[in-house]
C-alpha atoms as a PDB file:
ATOM      1  CA  GLN A   1      29.433 -12.993  10.557  1.00  0.00           C
ATOM      2  CA  VAL A   2      26.003 -12.780   8.978  1.00  0.00           C
ATOM      3  CA  GLN A   3      25.842 -13.676   5.302  1.00  0.00           C
ATOM      4  CA  LEU A   4      22.846 -13.276   3.025  1.00  0.00           C
ATOM      5  CA  VAL A   5      23.008 -14.814  -0.430  1.00  0.00           C
ATOM      6  CA  GLU A   6      20.242 -14.272  -2.970  1.00  0.00           C
ATOM      7  CA  SER A   7      19.465 -16.489  -5.932  1.00  0.00           C
ATOM      8  CA  GLY A   8      16.683 -17.126  -8.407  1.00  0.00           C
ATOM      9  CA  GLY A   9      16.732 -13.977 -10.489  1.00  0.00           C
ATOM     10  CA  GLY A  10      16.599 -14.012 -14.258  1.00  0.00           C
ATOM     11  CA  LEU A  11      14.763 -12.943 -17.383  1.00  0.00           C
ATOM     12  CA  VAL A  12      11.045 -13.636 -17.650  1.00  0.00           C
ATOM     13  CA  GLN A  13       8.215 -12.462 -19.864  1.00  0.00           C
ATOM     14  CA  ALA A  14       5.458 -10.268 -18.510  1.00  0.00           C
ATOM     15  CA  GLY A  15       2.858 -12.375 -16.750  1.00  0.00           C
ATOM     16  CA  GLY A  16       5.428 -14.960 -15.735  1.00  0.00           C
ATOM     17  CA  SER A  17       6.732 -16.019 -12.336  1.00  0.00           C
ATOM     18  CA  LEU A  18      10.009 -16.253 -10.477  1.00  0.00           C
ATOM     19  CA  ARG A  19      10.946 -17.373  -6.984  1.00  0.00           C
ATOM     20  CA  LEU A  20      13.812 -15.630  -5.262  1.00  0.00           C
ATOM     21  CA  SER A  21      15.694 -17.244  -2.392  1.00  0.00           C
ATOM     22  CA  CYS A  22      17.798 -15.672   0.335  1.00  0.00           C
ATOM     23  CA  ALA A  23      20.005 -18.092   2.248  1.00  0.00           C
ATOM     24  CA  ALA A  24      21.072 -16.718   5.623  1.00  0.00           C
ATOM     25  CA  SER A  25      23.920 -17.853   7.857  1.00  0.00           C
ATOM     26  CA  GLY A  26      26.093 -16.693  10.713  1.00  0.00           C
ATOM     27  CA  ARG A  27      23.730 -16.489  13.691  1.00  0.00           C
ATOM     28  CA  THR A  28      20.366 -17.558  14.988  1.00  0.00           C
ATOM     29  CA  PHE A  29      17.508 -15.651  13.441  1.00  0.00           C
ATOM     30  CA  SER A  30      14.685 -16.176  15.875  1.00  0.00           C
ATOM     31  CA  GLY A  31      12.947 -12.890  16.609  1.00  0.00           C
ATOM     32  CA  THR A  32      14.456 -11.046  13.662  1.00  0.00           C
ATOM     33  CA  ARG A  33      12.832  -9.686  10.519  1.00  0.00           C
ATOM     34  CA  MET A  34      13.824 -10.334   6.923  1.00  0.00           C
ATOM     35  CA  GLY A  35      12.966  -8.014   4.097  1.00  0.00           C
ATOM     36  CA  TRP A  36      13.135  -7.878   0.320  1.00  0.00           C
ATOM     37  CA  PHE A  37      13.969  -4.614  -1.392  1.00  0.00           C
ATOM     38  CA  ARG A  38      14.507  -3.674  -5.021  1.00  0.00           C
ATOM     39  CA  GLN A  39      16.269  -0.959  -6.968  1.00  0.00           C
ATOM     40  CA  ALA A  40      15.581  -0.164 -10.590  1.00  0.00           C
ATOM     41  CA  PRO A  41      18.077   1.799 -12.719  1.00  0.00           C
ATOM     42  CA  GLY A  42      17.952   5.486 -11.886  1.00  0.00           C
ATOM     43  CA  LYS A  43      15.556   4.970  -8.981  1.00  0.00           C
ATOM     44  CA  ASP A  44      15.866   4.788  -5.219  1.00  0.00           C
ATOM     45  CA  ARG A  45      15.778   1.461  -3.443  1.00  0.00           C
ATOM     46  CA  GLU A  46      12.254   0.567  -2.407  1.00  0.00           C
ATOM     47  CA  PHE A  47      10.713  -1.828   0.077  1.00  0.00           C
ATOM     48  CA  VAL A  48       8.985  -4.885  -1.373  1.00  0.00           C
ATOM     49  CA  ALA A  49       8.038  -7.203   1.501  1.00  0.00           C
ATOM     50  CA  SER A  50       9.098  -8.338   4.954  1.00  0.00           C
ATOM     51  CA  ILE A  51       8.437 -11.175   7.367  1.00  0.00           C
ATOM     52  CA  MET A  52       9.389 -12.323  10.834  1.00  0.00           C
ATOM     53  CA  TRP A  53      11.510 -15.482  10.814  1.00  0.00           C
ATOM     54  CA  SER A  54       8.663 -17.207  12.634  1.00  0.00           C
ATOM     55  CA  GLY A  55       6.633 -16.683   9.462  1.00  0.00           C
ATOM     56  CA  SER A  56       4.246 -14.273  11.080  1.00  0.00           C
ATOM     57  CA  VAL A  57       3.555 -10.576  10.519  1.00  0.00           C
ATOM     58  CA  THR A  58       4.119  -9.936   6.848  1.00  0.00           C
ATOM     59  CA  PHE A  59       4.112  -6.576   5.105  1.00  0.00           C
ATOM     60  CA  TYR A  60       3.967  -5.811   1.388  1.00  0.00           C
ATOM     61  CA  ALA A  61       4.362  -2.752  -0.753  1.00  0.00           C
ATOM     62  CA  ASP A  62       1.086  -1.778  -2.399  1.00  0.00           C
ATOM     63  CA  SER A  63       2.651  -2.302  -5.812  1.00  0.00           C
ATOM     64  CA  VAL A  64       3.163  -6.034  -5.181  1.00  0.00           C
ATOM     65  CA  LYS A  65       0.208  -6.969  -2.980  1.00  0.00           C
ATOM     66  CA  GLY A  66      -1.682  -9.917  -4.384  1.00  0.00           C
ATOM     67  CA  ARG A  67       1.169 -10.829  -6.728  1.00  0.00           C
ATOM     68  CA  PHE A  68       4.168 -11.475  -4.457  1.00  0.00           C
ATOM     69  CA  THR A  69       4.367 -13.762  -1.421  1.00  0.00           C
ATOM     70  CA  ILE A  70       7.150 -13.787   1.161  1.00  0.00           C
ATOM     71  CA  SER A  71       7.787 -16.911   3.225  1.00  0.00           C
ATOM     72  CA  THR A  72      10.415 -18.566   5.401  1.00  0.00           C
ATOM     73  CA  ASP A  73      11.887 -22.038   5.781  1.00  0.00           C
ATOM     74  CA  ASN A  74      13.460 -22.060   9.212  1.00  0.00           C
ATOM     75  CA  ALA A  75      15.023 -25.479   8.729  1.00  0.00           C
ATOM     76  CA  LYS A  76      16.968 -24.128   5.753  1.00  0.00           C
ATOM     77  CA  ASN A  77      17.466 -20.570   7.120  1.00  0.00           C
ATOM     78  CA  THR A  78      16.033 -19.358   3.836  1.00  0.00           C
ATOM     79  CA  VAL A  79      13.533 -16.666   2.941  1.00  0.00           C
ATOM     80  CA  TYR A  80      11.645 -16.794  -0.331  1.00  0.00           C
ATOM     81  CA  LEU A  81       9.892 -14.251  -2.491  1.00  0.00           C
ATOM     82  CA  GLN A  82       7.418 -15.832  -4.876  1.00  0.00           C
ATOM     83  CA  MET A  83       6.676 -13.359  -7.644  1.00  0.00           C
ATOM     84  CA  ASN A  84       3.691 -13.971  -9.900  1.00  0.00           C
ATOM     85  CA  SER A  85       2.058 -11.920 -12.657  1.00  0.00           C
ATOM     86  CA  LEU A  86       5.313 -10.077 -13.197  1.00  0.00           C
ATOM     87  CA  LYS A  87       5.269  -6.720 -14.964  1.00  0.00           C
ATOM     88  CA  PRO A  88       8.034  -4.839 -16.783  1.00  0.00           C
ATOM     89  CA  GLU A  89       8.018  -2.303 -13.949  1.00  0.00           C
ATOM     90  CA  ASP A  90       9.123  -5.078 -11.574  1.00  0.00           C
ATOM     91  CA  THR A  91      12.509  -5.082 -13.321  1.00  0.00           C
ATOM     92  CA  ALA A  92      15.172  -4.322 -10.709  1.00  0.00           C
ATOM     93  CA  VAL A  93      17.954  -5.718  -8.593  1.00  0.00           C
ATOM     94  CA  TYR A  94      16.310  -7.493  -5.669  1.00  0.00           C
ATOM     95  CA  SER A  95      18.143  -7.698  -2.342  1.00  0.00           C
ATOM     96  CA  CYS A  96      17.299  -9.360   0.936  1.00  0.00           C
ATOM     97  CA  ALA A  97      18.116  -7.767   4.264  1.00  0.00           C
ATOM     98  CA  LEU A  98      18.071  -8.686   7.950  1.00  0.00           C
ATOM     99  CA  ARG A  99      16.856  -6.461  10.742  1.00  0.00           C
ATOM    100  CA  LEU A 100      17.883  -7.472  14.248  1.00  0.00           C
ATOM    101  CA  GLY A 101      15.848  -4.951  16.198  1.00  0.00           C
ATOM    102  CA  GLY A 102      13.450  -2.120  15.574  1.00  0.00           C
ATOM    103  CA  GLY A 103      15.748   0.156  13.628  1.00  0.00           C
ATOM    104  CA  PRO A 104      17.199   0.078  10.135  1.00  0.00           C
ATOM    105  CA  TYR A 105      18.091  -3.157   8.392  1.00  0.00           C
ATOM    106  CA  ASP A 106      21.487  -4.290   9.602  1.00  0.00           C
ATOM    107  CA  PHE A 107      22.750  -6.729   6.967  1.00  0.00           C
ATOM    108  CA  TRP A 108      22.276  -6.863   3.201  1.00  0.00           C
ATOM    109  CA  GLY A 109      22.842  -9.370   0.450  1.00  0.00           C
ATOM    110  CA  GLN A 110      24.503  -8.573  -2.869  1.00  0.00           C
ATOM    111  CA  GLY A 111      21.293  -8.728  -4.871  1.00  0.00           C
ATOM    112  CA  THR A 112      19.952 -10.650  -7.836  1.00  0.00           C
ATOM    113  CA  GLN A 113      18.770  -9.187 -11.131  1.00  0.00           C
ATOM    114  CA  VAL A 114      15.169  -9.636 -12.207  1.00  0.00           C
ATOM    115  CA  THR A 115      14.278  -8.538 -15.722  1.00  0.00           C
ATOM    116  CA  VAL A 116      10.704  -8.673 -17.011  1.00  0.00           C
ATOM    117  CA  SER A 117      10.278  -8.258 -20.757  1.00  0.00           C
ATOM    118  CA  SER A 118       7.095  -6.893 -22.316  1.00  0.00           C
END
C-alpha cells in the first residue's frame, strides 16, 4: 500500500522560505514521477512541480519558476519542495502525488498547509 506523508508546512512572512517534504513508502519508486500540487480556498487544485524519482526531468508551473525547486532523496524515499521568495498568493494546501505511468496521478498525500502573510 503506497503512503505519501507531507510535512514542513507552516506560516511564513512574504519573502520567506519553507521546505516541504513528502515521505513515500509501500513500493519501489524507480521509473515513477512525483508531483507537488496546491489548492487555495475557493480555487481548483493546480500543478506546482514534478520530478522523476531518478532526479531527472523536472517541470514547474510558470508561477513558481525560479522560486521553487523540487528534488529527491532516493535513500530516504523522500521528495522535497524548496520554496523561496514566498508570496501571499502561494498560500494553499500543498499535496504530493505519485504517478506510476503516463496517465493521471495514482496516489495522493493528505496535504500540508502553507500560509504566507503579507
